[in-house]
Amino acid sequence: VTPAPGANTGRYTEFVLDPTPLPMNPH
């Protein structure tokens, strides 16, 4: 999730969605 360029990008810092604590695996 990241701000669209040129649209007040300082609103927040880009980040990755974290599925924890739901189960995942390497595949």
mmCIF file of all heavy atoms, coordinates in Angstrom:
data_MODEL
# 
_entry.id   MODEL 
# 
loop_
_atom_site.group_PDB 
_atom_site.id 
_atom_site.type_symbol 
_atom_site.label_atom_id 
_atom_site.label_alt_id 
_atom_site.label_comp_id 
_atom_site.label_asym_id 
_atom_site.label_entity_id 
_atom_site.label_seq_id 
_atom_site.pdbx_PDB_ins_code 
_atom_site.Cartn_x 
_atom_site.Cartn_y 
_atom_site.Cartn_z 
_atom_site.occupancy 
_atom_site.B_iso_or_equiv 
_atom_site.pdbx_formal_charge 
_atom_site.auth_seq_id 
_atom_site.auth_comp_id 
_atom_site.auth_asym_id 
_atom_site.auth_atom_id 
_atom_site.pdbx_PDB_model_num 
ATOM 1   N N   . VAL A 1 1  ? 0.866  -1.174  0.000  1.00 0.00 ? 1  VAL A N   1 
ATOM 2   C CA  . VAL A 1 1  ? 0.000  0.000   0.000  1.00 0.00 ? 1  VAL A CA  1 
ATOM 3   C C   . VAL A 1 1  ? 0.901  1.221   0.000  1.00 0.00 ? 1  VAL A C   1 
ATOM 4   O O   . VAL A 1 1  ? 1.798  1.346   0.845  1.00 0.00 ? 1  VAL A O   1 
ATOM 5   C CB  . VAL A 1 1  ? -0.934 0.013   1.223  1.00 0.00 ? 1  VAL A CB  1 
ATOM 6   C CG1 . VAL A 1 1  ? -1.741 1.314   1.271  1.00 0.00 ? 1  VAL A CG1 1 
ATOM 7   C CG2 . VAL A 1 1  ? -1.880 -1.190  1.185  1.00 0.00 ? 1  VAL A CG2 1 
ATOM 8   N N   . THR A 1 2  ? 0.666  2.124   -0.951 1.00 0.00 ? 2  THR A N   1 
ATOM 9   C CA  . THR A 1 2  ? 1.574  3.256   -1.115 1.00 0.00 ? 2  THR A CA  1 
ATOM 10  C C   . THR A 1 2  ? 0.806  4.443   -1.677 1.00 0.00 ? 2  THR A C   1 
ATOM 11  O O   . THR A 1 2  ? -0.153 4.261   -2.445 1.00 0.00 ? 2  THR A O   1 
ATOM 12  C CB  . THR A 1 2  ? 2.748  2.870   -2.046 1.00 0.00 ? 2  THR A CB  1 
ATOM 13  O OG1 . THR A 1 2  ? 3.677  3.946   -2.138 1.00 0.00 ? 2  THR A OG1 1 
ATOM 14  C CG2 . THR A 1 2  ? 2.269  2.500   -3.432 1.00 0.00 ? 2  THR A CG2 1 
ATOM 15  N N   . PRO A 1 3  ? 1.192  5.681   -1.302 1.00 0.00 ? 3  PRO A N   1 
ATOM 16  C CA  . PRO A 1 3  ? 0.508  6.855   -1.869 1.00 0.00 ? 3  PRO A CA  1 
ATOM 17  C C   . PRO A 1 3  ? 0.782  6.961   -3.363 1.00 0.00 ? 3  PRO A C   1 
ATOM 18  O O   . PRO A 1 3  ? 1.894  6.688   -3.825 1.00 0.00 ? 3  PRO A O   1 
ATOM 19  C CB  . PRO A 1 3  ? 1.125  8.031   -1.110 1.00 0.00 ? 3  PRO A CB  1 
ATOM 20  C CG  . PRO A 1 3  ? 1.835  7.441   0.063  1.00 0.00 ? 3  PRO A CG  1 
ATOM 21  C CD  . PRO A 1 3  ? 2.230  6.056   -0.328 1.00 0.00 ? 3  PRO A CD  1 
ATOM 22  N N   . ALA A 1 4  ? -0.231 7.349   -4.124 1.00 0.00 ? 4  ALA A N   1 
ATOM 23  C CA  . ALA A 1 4  ? -0.017 7.597   -5.546 1.00 0.00 ? 4  ALA A CA  1 
ATOM 24  C C   . ALA A 1 4  ? 0.923  8.778   -5.705 1.00 0.00 ? 4  ALA A C   1 
ATOM 25  O O   . ALA A 1 4  ? 0.793  9.781   -4.995 1.00 0.00 ? 4  ALA A O   1 
ATOM 26  C CB  . ALA A 1 4  ? -1.341 7.874   -6.244 1.00 0.00 ? 4  ALA A CB  1 
ATOM 27  N N   . PRO A 1 5  ? 1.897  8.699   -6.599 1.00 0.00 ? 5  PRO A N   1 
ATOM 28  C CA  . PRO A 1 5  ? 2.858  9.798   -6.783 1.00 0.00 ? 5  PRO A CA  1 
ATOM 29  C C   . PRO A 1 5  ? 2.163  11.109  -7.137 1.00 0.00 ? 5  PRO A C   1 
ATOM 30  O O   . PRO A 1 5  ? 1.132  11.123  -7.810 1.00 0.00 ? 5  PRO A O   1 
ATOM 31  C CB  . PRO A 1 5  ? 3.724  9.313   -7.943 1.00 0.00 ? 5  PRO A CB  1 
ATOM 32  C CG  . PRO A 1 5  ? 3.591  7.835   -7.938 1.00 0.00 ? 5  PRO A CG  1 
ATOM 33  C CD  . PRO A 1 5  ? 2.192  7.566   -7.489 1.00 0.00 ? 5  PRO A CD  1 
ATOM 34  N N   . GLY A 1 6  ? 2.730  12.193  -6.658 1.00 0.00 ? 6  GLY A N   1 
ATOM 35  C CA  . GLY A 1 6  ? 2.213  13.511  -6.994 1.00 0.00 ? 6  GLY A CA  1 
ATOM 36  C C   . GLY A 1 6  ? 0.938  13.887  -6.285 1.00 0.00 ? 6  GLY A C   1 
ATOM 37  O O   . GLY A 1 6  ? 0.317  14.897  -6.605 1.00 0.00 ? 6  GLY A O   1 
ATOM 38  N N   . ALA A 1 7  ? 0.502  13.089  -5.320 1.00 0.00 ? 7  ALA A N   1 
ATOM 39  C CA  . ALA A 1 7  ? -0.774 13.347  -4.636 1.00 0.00 ? 7  ALA A CA  1 
ATOM 40  C C   . ALA A 1 7  ? -0.546 13.421  -3.132 1.00 0.00 ? 7  ALA A C   1 
ATOM 41  O O   . ALA A 1 7  ? -1.045 12.599  -2.374 1.00 0.00 ? 7  ALA A O   1 
ATOM 42  C CB  . ALA A 1 7  ? -1.778 12.256  -4.977 1.00 0.00 ? 7  ALA A CB  1 
ATOM 43  N N   . ASN A 1 8  ? 0.254  14.398  -2.704 1.00 0.00 ? 8  ASN A N   1 
ATOM 44  C CA  . ASN A 1 8  ? 0.540  14.569  -1.284 1.00 0.00 ? 8  ASN A CA  1 
ATOM 45  C C   . ASN A 1 8  ? 1.068  13.268  -0.689 1.00 0.00 ? 8  ASN A C   1 
ATOM 46  O O   . ASN A 1 8  ? 0.462  12.671  0.207  1.00 0.00 ? 8  ASN A O   1 
ATOM 47  C CB  . ASN A 1 8  ? -0.711 15.039  -0.539 1.00 0.00 ? 8  ASN A CB  1 
ATOM 48  C CG  . ASN A 1 8  ? -0.433 15.386  0.915  1.00 0.00 ? 8  ASN A CG  1 
ATOM 49  O OD1 . ASN A 1 8  ? 0.734  15.544  1.313  1.00 0.00 ? 8  ASN A OD1 1 
ATOM 50  N ND2 . ASN A 1 8  ? -1.491 15.497  1.706  1.00 0.00 ? 8  ASN A ND2 1 
ATOM 51  N N   . THR A 1 9  ? 2.205  12.825  -1.201 1.00 0.00 ? 9  THR A N   1 
ATOM 52  C CA  . THR A 1 9  ? 2.747  11.525  -0.807 1.00 0.00 ? 9  THR A CA  1 
ATOM 53  C C   . THR A 1 9  ? 3.214  11.483  0.639  1.00 0.00 ? 9  THR A C   1 
ATOM 54  O O   . THR A 1 9  ? 3.504  10.401  1.157  1.00 0.00 ? 9  THR A O   1 
ATOM 55  C CB  . THR A 1 9  ? 3.917  11.150  -1.717 1.00 0.00 ? 9  THR A CB  1 
ATOM 56  O OG1 . THR A 1 9  ? 4.889  12.205  -1.718 1.00 0.00 ? 9  THR A OG1 1 
ATOM 57  C CG2 . THR A 1 9  ? 3.443  10.925  -3.147 1.00 0.00 ? 9  THR A CG2 1 
ATOM 58  N N   . GLY A 1 10 ? 3.270  12.609  1.301  1.00 0.00 ? 10 GLY A N   1 
ATOM 59  C CA  . GLY A 1 10 ? 3.699  12.624  2.697  1.00 0.00 ? 10 GLY A CA  1 
ATOM 60  C C   . GLY A 1 10 ? 2.609  12.235  3.674  1.00 0.00 ? 10 GLY A C   1 
ATOM 61  O O   . GLY A 1 10 ? 2.824  12.268  4.896  1.00 0.00 ? 10 GLY A O   1 
ATOM 62  N N   . ARG A 1 11 ? 1.438  11.820  3.186  1.00 0.00 ? 11 ARG A N   1 
ATOM 63  C CA  . ARG A 1 11 ? 0.336  11.460  4.079  1.00 0.00 ? 11 ARG A CA  1 
ATOM 64  C C   . ARG A 1 11 ? 0.674  10.266  4.951  1.00 0.00 ? 11 ARG A C   1 
ATOM 65  O O   . ARG A 1 11 ? 0.237  10.148  6.089  1.00 0.00 ? 11 ARG A O   1 
ATOM 66  C CB  . ARG A 1 11 ? -0.918 11.169  3.252  1.00 0.00 ? 11 ARG A CB  1 
ATOM 67  C CG  . ARG A 1 11 ? -1.537 12.399  2.605  1.00 0.00 ? 11 ARG A CG  1 
ATOM 68  C CD  . ARG A 1 11 ? -2.666 12.030  1.655  1.00 0.00 ? 11 ARG A CD  1 
ATOM 69  N NE  . ARG A 1 11 ? -2.168 11.395  0.443  1.00 0.00 ? 11 ARG A NE  1 
ATOM 70  C CZ  . ARG A 1 11 ? -2.550 10.218  -0.018 1.00 0.00 ? 11 ARG A CZ  1 
ATOM 71  N NH1 . ARG A 1 11 ? -3.442 9.514   0.661  1.00 0.00 ? 11 ARG A NH1 1 
ATOM 72  N NH2 . ARG A 1 11 ? -2.066 9.731   -1.134 1.00 0.00 ? 11 ARG A NH2 1 
ATOM 73  N N   . TYR A 1 12 ? 1.427  9.311   4.407  1.00 0.00 ? 12 TYR A N   1 
ATOM 74  C CA  . TYR A 1 12 ? 1.865  8.142   5.163  1.00 0.00 ? 12 TYR A CA  1 
ATOM 75  C C   . TYR A 1 12 ? 3.023  7.505   4.410  1.00 0.00 ? 12 TYR A C   1 
ATOM 76  O O   . TYR A 1 12 ? 3.296  7.826   3.241  1.00 0.00 ? 12 TYR A O   1 
ATOM 77  C CB  . TYR A 1 12 ? 0.724  7.135   5.342  1.00 0.00 ? 12 TYR A CB  1 
ATOM 78  C CG  . TYR A 1 12 ? 0.121  6.618   4.057  1.00 0.00 ? 12 TYR A CG  1 
ATOM 79  C CD1 . TYR A 1 12 ? 0.593  5.456   3.437  1.00 0.00 ? 12 TYR A CD1 1 
ATOM 80  C CD2 . TYR A 1 12 ? -0.933 7.289   3.435  1.00 0.00 ? 12 TYR A CD2 1 
ATOM 81  C CE1 . TYR A 1 12 ? 0.045  4.985   2.253  1.00 0.00 ? 12 TYR A CE1 1 
ATOM 82  C CE2 . TYR A 1 12 ? -1.495 6.823   2.261  1.00 0.00 ? 12 TYR A CE2 1 
ATOM 83  C CZ  . TYR A 1 12 ? -1.006 5.679   1.673  1.00 0.00 ? 12 TYR A CZ  1 
ATOM 84  O OH  . TYR A 1 12 ? -1.545 5.223   0.499  1.00 0.00 ? 12 TYR A OH  1 
ATOM 85  N N   . THR A 1 13 ? 3.715  6.603   5.063  1.00 0.00 ? 13 THR A N   1 
ATOM 86  C CA  . THR A 1 13 ? 4.839  5.898   4.454  1.00 0.00 ? 13 THR A CA  1 
ATOM 87  C C   . THR A 1 13 ? 4.354  4.566   3.900  1.00 0.00 ? 13 THR A C   1 
ATOM 88  O O   . THR A 1 13 ? 3.546  3.871   4.530  1.00 0.00 ? 13 THR A O   1 
ATOM 89  C CB  . THR A 1 13 ? 5.944  5.652   5.494  1.00 0.00 ? 13 THR A CB  1 
ATOM 90  O OG1 . THR A 1 13 ? 6.374  6.917   6.011  1.00 0.00 ? 13 THR A OG1 1 
ATOM 91  C CG2 . THR A 1 13 ? 7.141  4.936   4.861  1.00 0.00 ? 13 THR A CG2 1 
ATOM 92  N N   . GLU A 1 14 ? 4.852  4.222   2.711  1.00 0.00 ? 14 GLU A N   1 
ATOM 93  C CA  . GLU A 1 14 ? 4.434  2.962   2.085  1.00 0.00 ? 14 GLU A CA  1 
ATOM 94  C C   . GLU A 1 14 ? 4.717  1.781   3.017  1.00 0.00 ? 14 GLU A C   1 
ATOM 95  O O   . GLU A 1 14 ? 5.672  1.789   3.792  1.00 0.00 ? 14 GLU A O   1 
ATOM 96  C CB  . GLU A 1 14 ? 5.163  2.766   0.752  1.00 0.00 ? 14 GLU A CB  1 
ATOM 97  C CG  . GLU A 1 14 ? 6.671  2.620   0.831  1.00 0.00 ? 14 GLU A CG  1 
ATOM 98  C CD  . GLU A 1 14 ? 7.429  3.940   0.865  1.00 0.00 ? 14 GLU A CD  1 
ATOM 99  O OE1 . GLU A 1 14 ? 6.788  5.016   0.970  1.00 0.00 ? 14 GLU A OE1 1 
ATOM 100 O OE2 . GLU A 1 14 ? 8.678  3.909   0.786  1.00 0.00 ? 14 GLU A OE2 1 
ATOM 101 N N   . PHE A 1 15 ? 3.863  0.746   2.918  1.00 0.00 ? 15 PHE A N   1 
ATOM 102 C CA  . PHE A 1 15 ? 4.016  -0.403  3.803  1.00 0.00 ? 15 PHE A CA  1 
ATOM 103 C C   . PHE A 1 15 ? 3.495  -1.661  3.124  1.00 0.00 ? 15 PHE A C   1 
ATOM 104 O O   . PHE A 1 15 ? 2.819  -1.608  2.084  1.00 0.00 ? 15 PHE A O   1 
ATOM 105 C CB  . PHE A 1 15 ? 3.287  -0.174  5.132  1.00 0.00 ? 15 PHE A CB  1 
ATOM 106 C CG  . PHE A 1 15 ? 1.799  0.052   4.998  1.00 0.00 ? 15 PHE A CG  1 
ATOM 107 C CD1 . PHE A 1 15 ? 0.895  -1.014  5.027  1.00 0.00 ? 15 PHE A CD1 1 
ATOM 108 C CD2 . PHE A 1 15 ? 1.294  1.338   4.839  1.00 0.00 ? 15 PHE A CD2 1 
ATOM 109 C CE1 . PHE A 1 15 ? -0.472 -0.807  4.902  1.00 0.00 ? 15 PHE A CE1 1 
ATOM 110 C CE2 . PHE A 1 15 ? -0.076 1.553   4.713  1.00 0.00 ? 15 PHE A CE2 1 
ATOM 111 C CZ  . PHE A 1 15 ? -0.961 0.488   4.741  1.00 0.00 ? 15 PHE A CZ  1 
ATOM 112 N N   . VAL A 1 16 ? 3.809  -2.799  3.734  1.00 0.00 ? 16 VAL A N   1 
ATOM 113 C CA  . VAL A 1 16 ? 3.386  -4.108  3.242  1.00 0.00 ? 16 VAL A CA  1 
ATOM 114 C C   . VAL A 1 16 ? 2.262  -4.630  4.130  1.00 0.00 ? 16 VAL A C   1 
ATOM 115 O O   . VAL A 1 16 ? 2.345  -4.537  5.366  1.00 0.00 ? 16 VAL A O   1 
ATOM 116 C CB  . VAL A 1 16 ? 4.580  -5.091  3.229  1.00 0.00 ? 16 VAL A CB  1 
ATOM 117 C CG1 . VAL A 1 16 ? 4.111  -6.531  3.064  1.00 0.00 ? 16 VAL A CG1 1 
ATOM 118 C CG2 . VAL A 1 16 ? 5.553  -4.725  2.115  1.00 0.00 ? 16 VAL A CG2 1 
ATOM 119 N N   . LEU A 1 17 ? 1.214  -5.170  3.509  1.00 0.00 ? 17 LEU A N   1 
ATOM 120 C CA  . LEU A 1 17 ? 0.140  -5.797  4.295  1.00 0.00 ? 17 LEU A CA  1 
ATOM 121 C C   . LEU A 1 17 ? 0.664  -7.056  4.976  1.00 0.00 ? 17 LEU A C   1 
ATOM 122 O O   . LEU A 1 17 ? 1.327  -7.882  4.352  1.00 0.00 ? 17 LEU A O   1 
ATOM 123 C CB  . LEU A 1 17 ? -1.038 -6.150  3.394  1.00 0.00 ? 17 LEU A CB  1 
ATOM 124 C CG  . LEU A 1 17 ? -1.896 -4.995  2.873  1.00 0.00 ? 17 LEU A CG  1 
ATOM 125 C CD1 . LEU A 1 17 ? -3.001 -5.537  1.969  1.00 0.00 ? 17 LEU A CD1 1 
ATOM 126 C CD2 . LEU A 1 17 ? -2.509 -4.187  4.012  1.00 0.00 ? 17 LEU A CD2 1 
ATOM 127 N N   . ASP A 1 18 ? 0.326  -7.212  6.240  1.00 0.00 ? 18 ASP A N   1 
ATOM 128 C CA  . ASP A 1 18 ? 0.814  -8.342  7.030  1.00 0.00 ? 18 ASP A CA  1 
ATOM 129 C C   . ASP A 1 18 ? -0.363 -9.269  7.374  1.00 0.00 ? 18 ASP A C   1 
ATOM 130 O O   . ASP A 1 18 ? -1.280 -8.867  8.080  1.00 0.00 ? 18 ASP A O   1 
ATOM 131 C CB  . ASP A 1 18 ? 1.462  -7.830  8.313  1.00 0.00 ? 18 ASP A CB  1 
ATOM 132 C CG  . ASP A 1 18 ? 2.075  -8.945  9.142  1.00 0.00 ? 18 ASP A CG  1 
ATOM 133 O OD1 . ASP A 1 18 ? 2.030  -10.119 8.713  1.00 0.00 ? 18 ASP A OD1 1 
ATOM 134 O OD2 . ASP A 1 18 ? 2.597  -8.639  10.231 1.00 0.00 ? 18 ASP A OD2 1 
ATOM 135 N N   . PRO A 1 19 ? -0.359 -10.508 6.874  1.00 0.00 ? 19 PRO A N   1 
ATOM 136 C CA  . PRO A 1 19 ? -1.474 -11.424 7.152  1.00 0.00 ? 19 PRO A CA  1 
ATOM 137 C C   . PRO A 1 19 ? -1.452 -12.034 8.547  1.00 0.00 ? 19 PRO A C   1 
ATOM 138 O O   . PRO A 1 19 ? -2.391 -12.740 8.918  1.00 0.00 ? 19 PRO A O   1 
ATOM 139 C CB  . PRO A 1 19 ? -1.298 -12.508 6.087  1.00 0.00 ? 19 PRO A CB  1 
ATOM 140 C CG  . PRO A 1 19 ? 0.165  -12.520 5.802  1.00 0.00 ? 19 PRO A CG  1 
ATOM 141 C CD  . PRO A 1 19 ? 0.622  -11.093 5.959  1.00 0.00 ? 19 PRO A CD  1 
ATOM 142 N N   . THR A 1 20 ? -0.393 -11.808 9.324  1.00 0.00 ? 20 THR A N   1 
ATOM 143 C CA  . THR A 1 20 ? -0.304 -12.357 10.681 1.00 0.00 ? 20 THR A CA  1 
ATOM 144 C C   . THR A 1 20 ? -1.512 -11.905 11.505 1.00 0.00 ? 20 THR A C   1 
ATOM 145 O O   . THR A 1 20 ? -1.917 -10.739 11.429 1.00 0.00 ? 20 THR A O   1 
ATOM 146 C CB  . THR A 1 20 ? 0.994  -11.867 11.362 1.00 0.00 ? 20 THR A CB  1 
ATOM 147 O OG1 . THR A 1 20 ? 2.103  -12.168 10.536 1.00 0.00 ? 20 THR A OG1 1 
ATOM 148 C CG2 . THR A 1 20 ? 1.180  -12.492 12.721 1.00 0.00 ? 20 THR A CG2 1 
ATOM 149 N N   . PRO A 1 21 ? -2.161 -12.797 12.257 1.00 0.00 ? 21 PRO A N   1 
ATOM 150 C CA  . PRO A 1 21 ? -1.736 -14.139 12.659 1.00 0.00 ? 21 PRO A CA  1 
ATOM 151 C C   . PRO A 1 21 ? -2.318 -15.269 11.810 1.00 0.00 ? 21 PRO A C   1 
ATOM 152 O O   . PRO A 1 21 ? -2.275 -16.423 12.233 1.00 0.00 ? 21 PRO A O   1 
ATOM 153 C CB  . PRO A 1 21 ? -2.268 -14.223 14.090 1.00 0.00 ? 21 PRO A CB  1 
ATOM 154 C CG  . PRO A 1 21 ? -3.575 -13.481 14.009 1.00 0.00 ? 21 PRO A CG  1 
ATOM 155 C CD  . PRO A 1 21 ? -3.335 -12.352 13.041 1.00 0.00 ? 21 PRO A CD  1 
ATOM 156 N N   . LEU A 1 22 ? -2.880 -14.961 10.656 1.00 0.00 ? 22 LEU A N   1 
ATOM 157 C CA  . LEU A 1 22 ? -3.466 -16.028 9.840  1.00 0.00 ? 22 LEU A CA  1 
ATOM 158 C C   . LEU A 1 22 ? -2.375 -16.951 9.316  1.00 0.00 ? 22 LEU A C   1 
ATOM 159 O O   . LEU A 1 22 ? -1.242 -16.527 9.071  1.00 0.00 ? 22 LEU A O   1 
ATOM 160 C CB  . LEU A 1 22 ? -4.259 -15.421 8.674  1.00 0.00 ? 22 LEU A CB  1 
ATOM 161 C CG  . LEU A 1 22 ? -5.429 -14.511 9.050  1.00 0.00 ? 22 LEU A CG  1 
ATOM 162 C CD1 . LEU A 1 22 ? -6.196 -14.115 7.804  1.00 0.00 ? 22 LEU A CD1 1 
ATOM 163 C CD2 . LEU A 1 22 ? -6.348 -15.182 10.053 1.00 0.00 ? 22 LEU A CD2 1 
ATOM 164 N N   . PRO A 1 23 ? -2.692 -18.222 9.118  1.00 0.00 ? 23 PRO A N   1 
ATOM 165 C CA  . PRO A 1 23 ? -1.671 -19.180 8.675  1.00 0.00 ? 23 PRO A CA  1 
ATOM 166 C C   . PRO A 1 23 ? -1.234 -18.922 7.238  1.00 0.00 ? 23 PRO A C   1 
ATOM 167 O O   . PRO A 1 23 ? -2.046 -18.605 6.367  1.00 0.00 ? 23 PRO A O   1 
ATOM 168 C CB  . PRO A 1 23 ? -2.384 -20.537 8.796  1.00 0.00 ? 23 PRO A CB  1 
ATOM 169 C CG  . PRO A 1 23 ? -3.842 -20.220 8.711  1.00 0.00 ? 23 PRO A CG  1 
ATOM 170 C CD  . PRO A 1 23 ? -4.002 -18.880 9.357  1.00 0.00 ? 23 PRO A CD  1 
ATOM 171 N N   . MET A 1 24 ? 0.061  -19.045 6.996  1.00 0.00 ? 24 MET A N   1 
ATOM 172 C CA  . MET A 1 24 ? 0.649  -18.929 5.664  1.00 0.00 ? 24 MET A CA  1 
ATOM 173 C C   . MET A 1 24 ? 1.673  -20.048 5.519  1.00 0.00 ? 24 MET A C   1 
ATOM 174 O O   . MET A 1 24 ? 1.906  -20.837 6.440  1.00 0.00 ? 24 MET A O   1 
ATOM 175 C CB  . MET A 1 24 ? 1.314  -17.562 5.475  1.00 0.00 ? 24 MET A CB  1 
ATOM 176 C CG  . MET A 1 24 ? 0.362  -16.372 5.571  1.00 0.00 ? 24 MET A CG  1 
ATOM 177 S SD  . MET A 1 24 ? -0.819 -16.269 4.201  1.00 0.00 ? 24 MET A SD  1 
ATOM 178 C CE  . MET A 1 24 ? 0.226  -15.633 2.897  1.00 0.00 ? 24 MET A CE  1 
ATOM 179 N N   . ASN A 1 25 ? 2.285  -20.161 4.344  1.00 0.00 ? 25 ASN A N   1 
ATOM 180 C CA  . ASN A 1 25 ? 3.422  -21.058 4.155  1.00 0.00 ? 25 ASN A CA  1 
ATOM 181 C C   . ASN A 1 25 ? 4.270  -20.524 3.010  1.00 0.00 ? 25 ASN A C   1 
ATOM 182 O O   . ASN A 1 25 ? 3.855  -19.574 2.315  1.00 0.00 ? 25 ASN A O   1 
ATOM 183 C CB  . ASN A 1 25 ? 2.962  -22.518 3.931  1.00 0.00 ? 25 ASN A CB  1 
ATOM 184 C CG  . ASN A 1 25 ? 2.200  -22.709 2.635  1.00 0.00 ? 25 ASN A CG  1 
ATOM 185 O OD1 . ASN A 1 25 ? 2.618  -22.253 1.575  1.00 0.00 ? 25 ASN A OD1 1 
ATOM 186 N ND2 . ASN A 1 25 ? 1.080  -23.422 2.694  1.00 0.00 ? 25 ASN A ND2 1 
ATOM 187 N N   . PRO A 1 26 ? 5.469  -21.060 2.768  1.00 0.00 ? 26 PRO A N   1 
ATOM 188 C CA  . PRO A 1 26 ? 6.363  -20.493 1.747  1.00 0.00 ? 26 PRO A CA  1 
ATOM 189 C C   . PRO A 1 26 ? 5.889  -20.698 0.317  1.00 0.00 ? 26 PRO A C   1 
ATOM 190 O O   . PRO A 1 26 ? 6.522  -20.186 -0.608 1.00 0.00 ? 26 PRO A O   1 
ATOM 191 C CB  . PRO A 1 26 ? 7.681  -21.257 1.984  1.00 0.00 ? 26 PRO A CB  1 
ATOM 192 C CG  . PRO A 1 26 ? 7.571  -21.870 3.335  1.00 0.00 ? 26 PRO A CG  1 
ATOM 193 C CD  . PRO A 1 26 ? 6.126  -22.139 3.540  1.00 0.00 ? 26 PRO A CD  1 
ATOM 194 N N   . HIS A 1 27 ? 4.806  -21.429 0.113  1.00 0.00 ? 27 HIS A N   1 
ATOM 195 C CA  . HIS A 1 27 ? 4.373  -21.787 -1.235 1.00 0.00 ? 27 HIS A CA  1 
ATOM 196 C C   . HIS A 1 27 ? 3.105  -21.034 -1.645 1.00 0.00 ? 27 HIS A C   1 
ATOM 197 O O   . HIS A 1 27 ? 2.313  -21.526 -2.445 1.00 0.00 ? 27 HIS A O   1 
ATOM 198 C CB  . HIS A 1 27 ? 4.154  -23.293 -1.314 1.00 0.00 ? 27 HIS A CB  1 
ATOM 199 C CG  . HIS A 1 27 ? 5.252  -24.086 -0.677 1.00 0.00 ? 27 HIS A CG  1 
ATOM 200 N ND1 . HIS A 1 27 ? 6.565  -23.991 -1.074 1.00 0.00 ? 27 HIS A ND1 1 
ATOM 201 C CD2 . HIS A 1 27 ? 5.237  -24.968 0.364  1.00 0.00 ? 27 HIS A CD2 1 
ATOM 202 C CE1 . HIS A 1 27 ? 7.318  -24.780 -0.320 1.00 0.00 ? 27 HIS A CE1 1 
ATOM 203 N NE2 . HIS A 1 27 ? 6.531  -25.379 0.554  1.00 0.00 ? 27 HIS A NE2 1 
# 
